[in-house]
PDB file of N, CA and C in Angstrom:
ATOM      1  N   UNK A   1      54.638 -10.882  15.328  1.00  0.00           N
ATOM      2  CA  UNK A   1      53.475 -10.367  14.631  1.00  0.00           C
ATOM      3  C   UNK A   1      53.713 -10.400  13.207  1.00  0.00           C
ATOM      4  N   UNK A   2      52.748 -10.744  12.439  1.00  0.00           N
ATOM      5  CA  UNK A   2      52.865 -10.748  10.893  1.00  0.00           C
ATOM      6  C   UNK A   2      52.897  -9.277  10.350  1.00  0.00           C
ATOM      7  N   UNK A   3      53.700  -9.087   9.389  1.00  0.00           N
ATOM      8  CA  UNK A   3      53.736  -7.794   8.727  1.00  0.00           C
ATOM      9  C   UNK A   3      52.393  -7.442   8.075  1.00  0.00           C
ATOM     10  N   UNK A   4      52.075  -6.174   8.010  1.00  0.00           N
ATOM     11  CA  UNK A   4      50.840  -5.707   7.445  1.00  0.00           C
ATOM     12  C   UNK A   4      50.710  -5.792   5.965  1.00  0.00           C
ATOM     13  N   UNK A   5      51.863  -6.119   5.314  1.00  0.00           N
ATOM     14  CA  UNK A   5      51.840  -6.200   3.835  1.00  0.00           C
ATOM     15  C   UNK A   5      51.799  -7.707   3.477  1.00  0.00           C
ATOM     16  N   UNK A   6      50.820  -8.041   2.700  1.00  0.00           N
ATOM     17  CA  UNK A   6      50.654  -9.369   2.310  1.00  0.00           C
ATOM     18  C   UNK A   6      51.533  -9.647   1.023  1.00  0.00           C
ATOM     19  N   UNK A   7      51.999 -10.795   0.880  1.00  0.00           N
ATOM     20  CA  UNK A   7      52.737 -11.174  -0.365  1.00  0.00           C
ATOM     21  C   UNK A   7      51.686 -11.394  -1.430  1.00  0.00           C
ATOM     22  N   UNK A   8      51.974 -11.103  -2.623  1.00  0.00           N
ATOM     23  CA  UNK A   8      50.903 -11.267  -3.680  1.00  0.00           C
ATOM     24  C   UNK A   8      50.385 -12.740  -3.719  1.00  0.00           C
ATOM     25  N   UNK A   9      51.205 -13.680  -3.476  1.00  0.00           N
ATOM     26  CA  UNK A   9      50.845 -15.117  -3.595  1.00  0.00           C
ATOM     27  C   UNK A   9      49.741 -15.394  -2.372  1.00  0.00           C
ATOM     28  N   UNK A  10      49.911 -14.740  -1.310  1.00  0.00           N
ATOM     29  CA  UNK A  10      49.115 -14.943  -0.146  1.00  0.00           C
ATOM     30  C   UNK A  10      47.679 -14.288  -0.543  1.00  0.00           C
ATOM     31  N   UNK A  11      47.711 -13.081  -1.168  1.00  0.00           N
ATOM     32  CA  UNK A  11      46.519 -12.441  -1.522  1.00  0.00           C
ATOM     33  C   UNK A  11      45.798 -13.237  -2.558  1.00  0.00           C
ATOM     34  N   UNK A  12      46.486 -13.833  -3.519  1.00  0.00           N
ATOM     35  CA  UNK A  12      45.850 -14.670  -4.543  1.00  0.00           C
ATOM     36  C   UNK A  12      45.192 -15.887  -3.932  1.00  0.00           C
ATOM     37  N   UNK A  13      45.908 -16.511  -2.972  1.00  0.00           N
ATOM     38  CA  UNK A  13      45.272 -17.630  -2.224  1.00  0.00           C
ATOM     39  C   UNK A  13      43.995 -17.276  -1.508  1.00  0.00           C
ATOM     40  N   UNK A  14      44.055 -16.087  -0.867  1.00  0.00           N
ATOM     41  CA  UNK A  14      42.908 -15.544  -0.211  1.00  0.00           C
ATOM     42  C   UNK A  14      41.652 -15.395  -1.193  1.00  0.00           C
ATOM     43  N   UNK A  15      41.914 -14.888  -2.437  1.00  0.00           N
ATOM     44  CA  UNK A  15      40.889 -14.799  -3.359  1.00  0.00           C
ATOM     45  C   UNK A  15      40.327 -16.103  -3.834  1.00  0.00           C
ATOM     46  N   UNK A  16      41.164 -17.095  -3.956  1.00  0.00           N
ATOM     47  CA  UNK A  16      40.743 -18.445  -4.289  1.00  0.00           C
ATOM     48  C   UNK A  16      39.898 -19.060  -3.234  1.00  0.00           C
ATOM     49  N   UNK A  17      40.301 -18.941  -2.029  1.00  0.00           N
ATOM     50  CA  UNK A  17      39.626 -19.566  -0.872  1.00  0.00           C
ATOM     51  C   UNK A  17      38.224 -18.857  -0.650  1.00  0.00           C
ATOM     52  N   UNK A  18      38.182 -17.622  -0.827  1.00  0.00           N
ATOM     53  CA  UNK A  18      36.960 -16.846  -0.652  1.00  0.00           C
ATOM     54  C   UNK A  18      35.987 -17.368  -1.729  1.00  0.00           C
ATOM     55  N   UNK A  19      36.507 -17.522  -3.029  1.00  0.00           N
ATOM     56  CA  UNK A  19      35.629 -17.890  -4.172  1.00  0.00           C
ATOM     57  C   UNK A  19      35.116 -19.422  -3.935  1.00  0.00           C
ATOM     58  N   UNK A  20      35.837 -20.250  -3.197  1.00  0.00           N
ATOM     59  CA  UNK A  20      35.485 -21.559  -2.812  1.00  0.00           C
ATOM     60  C   UNK A  20      34.369 -21.483  -1.674  1.00  0.00           C
ATOM     61  N   UNK A  21      34.218 -20.377  -0.978  1.00  0.00           N
ATOM     62  CA  UNK A  21      33.208 -20.326   0.014  1.00  0.00           C
ATOM     63  C   UNK A  21      33.722 -20.718   1.369  1.00  0.00           C
ATOM     64  N   UNK A  22      35.047 -20.635   1.616  1.00  0.00           N
ATOM     65  CA  UNK A  22      35.585 -21.100   2.910  1.00  0.00           C
ATOM     66  C   UNK A  22      35.352 -19.858   3.916  1.00  0.00           C
ATOM     67  N   UNK A  23      35.261 -20.206   5.179  1.00  0.00           N
ATOM     68  CA  UNK A  23      35.165 -19.131   6.222  1.00  0.00           C
ATOM     69  C   UNK A  23      36.563 -18.489   6.300  1.00  0.00           C
ATOM     70  N   UNK A  24      36.618 -17.382   6.921  1.00  0.00           N
ATOM     71  CA  UNK A  24      37.870 -16.598   7.095  1.00  0.00           C
ATOM     72  C   UNK A  24      38.754 -17.393   8.070  1.00  0.00           C
ATOM     73  N   UNK A  25      38.228 -18.069   9.016  1.00  0.00           N
ATOM     74  CA  UNK A  25      39.052 -18.911   9.918  1.00  0.00           C
ATOM     75  C   UNK A  25      39.706 -19.960   9.155  1.00  0.00           C
ATOM     76  N   UNK A  26      39.008 -20.690   8.257  1.00  0.00           N
ATOM     77  CA  UNK A  26      39.460 -21.774   7.513  1.00  0.00           C
ATOM     78  C   UNK A  26      40.626 -21.150   6.480  1.00  0.00           C
ATOM     79  N   UNK A  27      40.269 -20.022   5.927  1.00  0.00           N
ATOM     80  CA  UNK A  27      41.193 -19.423   4.940  1.00  0.00           C
ATOM     81  C   UNK A  27      42.484 -19.113   5.703  1.00  0.00           C
ATOM     82  N   UNK A  28      42.496 -18.511   6.839  1.00  0.00           N
ATOM     83  CA  UNK A  28      43.736 -18.145   7.589  1.00  0.00           C
ATOM     84  C   UNK A  28      44.508 -19.383   7.867  1.00  0.00           C
ATOM     85  N   UNK A  29      43.834 -20.491   8.355  1.00  0.00           N
ATOM     86  CA  UNK A  29      44.535 -21.773   8.618  1.00  0.00           C
ATOM     87  C   UNK A  29      45.130 -22.362   7.340  1.00  0.00           C
ATOM     88  N   UNK A  30      44.409 -22.282   6.218  1.00  0.00           N
ATOM     89  CA  UNK A  30      44.860 -22.875   4.926  1.00  0.00           C
ATOM     90  C   UNK A  30      46.075 -22.106   4.475  1.00  0.00           C
ATOM     91  N   UNK A  31      46.087 -20.692   4.483  1.00  0.00           N
ATOM     92  CA  UNK A  31      47.234 -19.934   4.076  1.00  0.00           C
ATOM     93  C   UNK A  31      48.451 -20.176   4.963  1.00  0.00           C
ATOM     94  N   UNK A  32      48.176 -20.210   6.281  1.00  0.00           N
ATOM     95  CA  UNK A  32      49.333 -20.490   7.197  1.00  0.00           C
ATOM     96  C   UNK A  32      49.966 -21.827   6.961  1.00  0.00           C
ATOM     97  N   UNK A  33      49.125 -22.824   6.751  1.00  0.00           N
ATOM     98  CA  UNK A  33      49.752 -24.069   6.533  1.00  0.00           C
ATOM     99  C   UNK A  33      50.451 -24.237   5.167  1.00  0.00           C
ATOM    100  N   UNK A  34      49.833 -23.563   4.091  1.00  0.00           N
ATOM    101  CA  UNK A  34      50.444 -23.617   2.810  1.00  0.00           C
ATOM    102  C   UNK A  34      51.806 -22.799   2.738  1.00  0.00           C
ATOM    103  N   UNK A  35      51.763 -21.644   3.420  1.00  0.00           N
ATOM    104  CA  UNK A  35      52.900 -20.775   3.191  1.00  0.00           C
ATOM    105  C   UNK A  35      53.777 -20.595   4.467  1.00  0.00           C
ATOM    106  N   UNK A  36      53.399 -21.144   5.518  1.00  0.00           N
ATOM    107  CA  UNK A  36      54.215 -21.054   6.848  1.00  0.00           C
ATOM    108  C   UNK A  36      54.052 -19.710   7.364  1.00  0.00           C
ATOM    109  N   UNK A  37      52.994 -19.051   7.201  1.00  0.00           N
ATOM    110  CA  UNK A  37      52.758 -17.741   7.749  1.00  0.00           C
ATOM    111  C   UNK A  37      51.995 -17.780   9.063  1.00  0.00           C
ATOM    112  N   UNK A  38      51.665 -16.715   9.625  1.00  0.00           N
ATOM    113  CA  UNK A  38      50.915 -16.651  10.849  1.00  0.00           C
ATOM    114  C   UNK A  38      49.812 -15.614  10.865  1.00  0.00           C
ATOM    115  N   UNK A  39      48.944 -15.686   9.825  1.00  0.00           N
ATOM    116  CA  UNK A  39      47.829 -14.744   9.737  1.00  0.00           C
ATOM    117  C   UNK A  39      46.638 -15.279  10.647  1.00  0.00           C
ATOM    118  N   UNK A  40      45.997 -14.313  11.240  1.00  0.00           N
ATOM    119  CA  UNK A  40      44.862 -14.605  12.101  1.00  0.00           C
ATOM    120  C   UNK A  40      43.612 -14.461  11.189  1.00  0.00           C
ATOM    121  N   UNK A  41      42.460 -15.008  11.708  1.00  0.00           N
ATOM    122  CA  UNK A  41      41.193 -14.860  11.085  1.00  0.00           C
ATOM    123  C   UNK A  41      40.921 -13.358  10.795  1.00  0.00           C
ATOM    124  N   UNK A  42      41.093 -12.456  11.758  1.00  0.00           N
ATOM    125  CA  UNK A  42      40.919 -11.006  11.551  1.00  0.00           C
ATOM    126  C   UNK A  42      41.768 -10.410  10.483  1.00  0.00           C
ATOM    127  N   UNK A  43      42.988 -11.037  10.370  1.00  0.00           N
ATOM    128  CA  UNK A  43      43.880 -10.427   9.294  1.00  0.00           C
ATOM    129  C   UNK A  43      43.345 -10.856   7.948  1.00  0.00           C
ATOM    130  N   UNK A  44      42.817 -12.024   7.834  1.00  0.00           N
ATOM    131  CA  UNK A  44      42.230 -12.455   6.559  1.00  0.00           C
ATOM    132  C   UNK A  44      40.949 -11.621   6.177  1.00  0.00           C
ATOM    133  N   UNK A  45      40.124 -11.326   7.207  1.00  0.00           N
ATOM    134  CA  UNK A  45      38.992 -10.479   6.964  1.00  0.00           C
ATOM    135  C   UNK A  45      39.391  -9.190   6.548  1.00  0.00           C
ATOM    136  N   UNK A  46      40.402  -8.585   7.307  1.00  0.00           N
ATOM    137  CA  UNK A  46      40.745  -7.209   6.910  1.00  0.00           C
ATOM    138  C   UNK A  46      41.355  -7.131   5.554  1.00  0.00           C
ATOM    139  N   UNK A  47      42.247  -8.072   5.193  1.00  0.00           N
ATOM    140  CA  UNK A  47      42.842  -8.045   3.810  1.00  0.00           C
ATOM    141  C   UNK A  47      41.763  -8.273   2.777  1.00  0.00           C
ATOM    142  N   UNK A  48      40.821  -9.228   3.081  1.00  0.00           N
ATOM    143  CA  UNK A  48      39.711  -9.359   2.008  1.00  0.00           C
ATOM    144  C   UNK A  48      38.939  -8.023   1.872  1.00  0.00           C
ATOM    145  N   UNK A  49      38.688  -7.361   2.897  1.00  0.00           N
ATOM    146  CA  UNK A  49      37.987  -6.046   2.677  1.00  0.00           C
ATOM    147  C   UNK A  49      38.844  -5.060   1.942  1.00  0.00           C
ATOM    148  N   UNK A  50      40.158  -4.977   2.285  1.00  0.00           N
ATOM    149  CA  UNK A  50      40.968  -3.977   1.611  1.00  0.00           C
ATOM    150  C   UNK A  50      41.094  -4.319   0.071  1.00  0.00           C
ATOM    151  N   UNK A  51      41.055  -5.506  -0.291  1.00  0.00           N
ATOM    152  CA  UNK A  51      41.198  -5.893  -1.736  1.00  0.00           C
ATOM    153  C   UNK A  51      39.819  -6.007  -2.362  1.00  0.00           C
ATOM    154  N   UNK A  52      38.723  -5.753  -1.645  1.00  0.00           N
ATOM    155  CA  UNK A  52      37.446  -5.658  -2.202  1.00  0.00           C
ATOM    156  C   UNK A  52      36.620  -6.996  -2.335  1.00  0.00           C
ATOM    157  N   UNK A  53      37.066  -7.983  -1.646  1.00  0.00           N
ATOM    158  CA  UNK A  53      36.376  -9.239  -1.518  1.00  0.00           C
ATOM    159  C   UNK A  53      35.177  -9.127  -0.562  1.00  0.00           C
ATOM    160  N   UNK A  54      34.186  -9.869  -0.819  1.00  0.00           N
ATOM    161  CA  UNK A  54      33.027  -9.976   0.041  1.00  0.00           C
ATOM    162  C   UNK A  54      33.036 -11.208   0.727  1.00  0.00           C
ATOM    163  N   UNK A  55      32.459 -11.302   1.917  1.00  0.00           N
ATOM    164  CA  UNK A  55      32.277 -12.487   2.691  1.00  0.00           C
ATOM    165  C   UNK A  55      31.268 -13.383   2.009  1.00  0.00           C
ATOM    166  N   UNK A  56      31.406 -14.714   2.226  1.00  0.00           N
ATOM    167  CA  UNK A  56      30.321 -15.578   1.738  1.00  0.00           C
ATOM    168  C   UNK A  56      29.043 -15.230   2.321  1.00  0.00           C
ATOM    169  N   UNK A  57      27.933 -15.328   1.590  1.00  0.00           N
ATOM    170  CA  UNK A  57      26.627 -15.045   2.115  1.00  0.00           C
ATOM    171  C   UNK A  57      26.279 -16.017   3.143  1.00  0.00           C
ATOM    172  N   UNK A  58      25.570 -15.490   4.137  1.00  0.00           N
ATOM    173  CA  UNK A  58      25.020 -16.400   5.225  1.00  0.00           C
ATOM    174  C   UNK A  58      23.832 -17.160   4.573  1.00  0.00           C
ATOM    175  N   UNK A  59      23.659 -18.456   4.988  1.00  0.00           N
ATOM    176  CA  UNK A  59      22.598 -19.202   4.568  1.00  0.00           C
ATOM    177  C   UNK A  59      21.250 -18.582   5.030  1.00  0.00           C
ATOM    178  N   UNK A  60      20.129 -18.789   4.432  1.00  0.00           N
ATOM    179  CA  UNK A  60      18.892 -18.263   4.778  1.00  0.00           C
ATOM    180  C   UNK A  60      18.379 -18.904   6.081  1.00  0.00           C
ATOM    181  N   UNK A  61      18.885 -20.119   6.323  1.00  0.00           N
ATOM    182  CA  UNK A  61      18.366 -20.796   7.561  1.00  0.00           C
ATOM    183  C   UNK A  61      19.306 -20.559   8.661  1.00  0.00           C
ATOM    184  N   UNK A  62      20.212 -19.534   8.634  1.00  0.00           N
ATOM    185  CA  UNK A  62      21.144 -19.258   9.659  1.00  0.00           C
ATOM    186  C   UNK A  62      20.327 -18.823  10.912  1.00  0.00           C
ATOM    187  N   UNK A  63      20.823 -19.124  12.081  1.00  0.00           N
ATOM    188  CA  UNK A  63      20.032 -18.773  13.283  1.00  0.00           C
ATOM    189  C   UNK A  63      20.097 -17.210  13.411  1.00  0.00           C
ATOM    190  N   UNK A  64      18.896 -16.686  13.826  1.00  0.00           N
ATOM    191  CA  UNK A  64      18.621 -15.350  14.055  1.00  0.00           C
ATOM    192  C   UNK A  64      18.802 -14.907  15.454  1.00  0.00           C
ATOM    193  N   UNK A  65      19.195 -13.715  15.684  1.00  0.00           N
ATOM    194  CA  UNK A  65      19.266 -13.307  17.115  1.00  0.00           C
ATOM    195  C   UNK A  65      17.932 -13.195  17.685  1.00  0.00           C
ATOM    196  N   UNK A  66      17.807 -13.678  18.937  1.00  0.00           N
ATOM    197  CA  UNK A  66      16.381 -13.525  19.511  1.00  0.00           C
ATOM    198  C   UNK A  66      16.209 -11.998  19.905  1.00  0.00           C
ATOM    199  N   UNK A  67      14.929 -11.608  19.917  1.00  0.00           N
ATOM    200  CA  UNK A  67      14.583 -10.202  20.104  1.00  0.00           C
ATOM    201  C   UNK A  67      15.003  -9.943  21.521  1.00  0.00           C
ATOM    202  N   UNK A  68      15.382  -8.611  21.747  1.00  0.00           N
ATOM    203  CA  UNK A  68      15.794  -8.151  23.078  1.00  0.00           C
ATOM    204  C   UNK A  68      14.521  -8.110  23.987  1.00  0.00           C
ATOM    205  N   UNK A  69      14.610  -8.725  25.143  1.00  0.00           N
ATOM    206  CA  UNK A  69      13.557  -8.677  26.088  1.00  0.00           C
ATOM    207  C   UNK A  69      13.495  -7.297  26.670  1.00  0.00           C
ATOM    208  N   UNK A  70      12.303  -6.725  26.886  1.00  0.00           N
ATOM    209  CA  UNK A  70      12.187  -5.399  27.427  1.00  0.00           C
ATOM    210  C   UNK A  70      12.248  -5.560  28.895  1.00  0.00           C
ATOM    211  N   UNK A  71      13.043  -4.759  29.557  1.00  0.00           N
ATOM    212  CA  UNK A  71      13.136  -4.730  31.005  1.00  0.00           C
ATOM    213  C   UNK A  71      12.018  -4.072  31.588  1.00  0.00           C
ATOM    214  N   UNK A  72      11.522  -4.526  32.732  1.00  0.00           N
ATOM    215  CA  UNK A  72      10.451  -3.876  33.425  1.00  0.00           C
ATOM    216  C   UNK A  72      10.949  -2.736  34.211  1.00  0.00           C
ATOM    217  N   UNK A  73      10.317  -1.626  34.115  1.00  0.00           N
ATOM    218  CA  UNK A  73      10.659  -0.465  34.969  1.00  0.00           C
ATOM    219  C   UNK A  73       9.942  -0.524  36.340  1.00  0.00           C
ATOM    220  N   UNK A  74      10.591   0.027  37.355  1.00  0.00           N
ATOM    221  CA  UNK A  74      10.039   0.045  38.576  1.00  0.00           C
ATOM    222  C   UNK A  74       8.897   1.073  38.632  1.00  0.00           C
ATOM    223  N   UNK A  75       7.820   0.713  39.235  1.00  0.00           N
ATOM    224  CA  UNK A  75       6.601   1.681  39.250  1.00  0.00           C
ATOM    225  C   UNK A  75       6.767   2.870  40.136  1.00  0.00           C
ATOM    226  N   UNK A  76       7.507   2.568  41.285  1.00  0.00           N
ATOM    227  CA  UNK A  76       7.824   3.579  42.270  1.00  0.00           C
ATOM    228  C   UNK A  76       9.324   3.676  42.429  1.00  0.00           C
ATOM    229  N   UNK A  77       9.894   4.794  42.635  1.00  0.00           N
ATOM    230  CA  UNK A  77      11.372   4.815  42.860  1.00  0.00           C
ATOM    231  C   UNK A  77      11.736   4.245  44.090  1.00  0.00           C
ATOM    232  N   UNK A  78      12.881   3.626  44.152  1.00  0.00           N
ATOM    233  CA  UNK A  78      13.424   2.970  45.347  1.00  0.00           C
ATOM    234  C   UNK A  78      13.811   4.087  46.392  1.00  0.00           C
ATOM    235  N   UNK A  79      13.548   3.656  47.649  1.00  0.00           N
ATOM    236  CA  UNK A  79      13.992   4.525  48.722  1.00  0.00           C
ATOM    237  C   UNK A  79      15.284   4.125  49.311  1.00  0.00           C
ATOM    238  N   UNK A  80      16.046   5.076  49.738  1.00  0.00           N
ATOM    239  CA  UNK A  80      17.366   4.842  50.278  1.00  0.00           C
ATOM    240  C   UNK A  80      17.103   4.160  51.645  1.00  0.00           C
ATOM    241  N   UNK A  81      18.124   3.401  52.049  1.00  0.00           N
ATOM    242  CA  UNK A  81      18.013   2.624  53.400  1.00  0.00           C
ATOM    243  C   UNK A  81      17.789   3.647  54.425  1.00  0.00           C
ATOM    244  N   UNK A  82      18.434   4.706  54.449  1.00  0.00           N
ATOM    245  CA  UNK A  82      18.305   5.740  55.583  1.00  0.00           C
ATOM    246  C   UNK A  82      16.937   6.341  55.632  1.00  0.00           C
ATOM    247  N   UNK A  83      16.266   6.529  54.497  1.00  0.00           N
ATOM    248  CA  UNK A  83      14.816   7.045  54.499  1.00  0.00           C
ATOM    249  C   UNK A  83      13.845   5.958  55.049  1.00  0.00           C
ATOM    250  N   UNK A  84      14.150   4.685  54.735  1.00  0.00           N
ATOM    251  CA  UNK A  84      13.266   3.579  55.200  1.00  0.00           C
ATOM    252  C   UNK A  84      13.362   3.503  56.666  1.00  0.00           C
ATOM    253  N   UNK A  85      14.495   3.685  57.395  1.00  0.00           N
ATOM    254  CA  UNK A  85      14.610   3.554  58.790  1.00  0.00           C
ATOM    255  C   UNK A  85      14.158   4.764  59.538  1.00  0.00           C
ATOM    256  N   UNK A  86      13.772   5.857  58.828  1.00  0.00           N
ATOM    257  CA  UNK A  86      13.313   7.026  59.483  1.00  0.00           C
ATOM    258  C   UNK A  86      14.400   8.125  59.744  1.00  0.00           C
ATOM    259  N   UNK A  87      15.626   7.863  59.345  1.00  0.00           N
ATOM    260  CA  UNK A  87      16.682   8.844  59.559  1.00  0.00           C
ATOM    261  C   UNK A  87      17.100   9.317  58.195  1.00  0.00           C
ATOM    262  N   UNK A  88      17.247  10.592  58.032  1.00  0.00           N
ATOM    263  CA  UNK A  88      17.797  11.121  56.805  1.00  0.00           C
ATOM    264  C   UNK A  88      19.214  11.557  56.979  1.00  0.00           C
ATOM    265  N   UNK A  89      19.941  11.365  55.849  1.00  0.00           N
ATOM    266  CA  UNK A  89      21.270  11.823  55.774  1.00  0.00           C
ATOM    267  C   UNK A  89      21.403  13.278  55.718  1.00  0.00           C
ATOM    268  N   UNK A  90      22.271  13.894  56.313  1.00  0.00           N
ATOM    269  CA  UNK A  90      22.406  15.451  56.200  1.00  0.00           C
ATOM    270  C   UNK A  90      23.347  15.840  55.268  1.00  0.00           C
TER     271      UNK A  90
END
């Protein structure tokens, strides 16, 4: 597992790649190939947040989440199987 402390050169590379508009996945891959490290996408996101970098803005035409469908409620409560057959549980 990679140490939680980033080398200053890695942090500077992160700043440069964010400024270019790369995704955090691409940034992690680029830093790993450039320095021989093993940072994950989430490590790049976390480090970027800790040093005050913002993520690239999402394009306006990015897909939106569909609205949640409302579930239909039962109009009458369900009966237990024992009540349907005419015997009640004691």
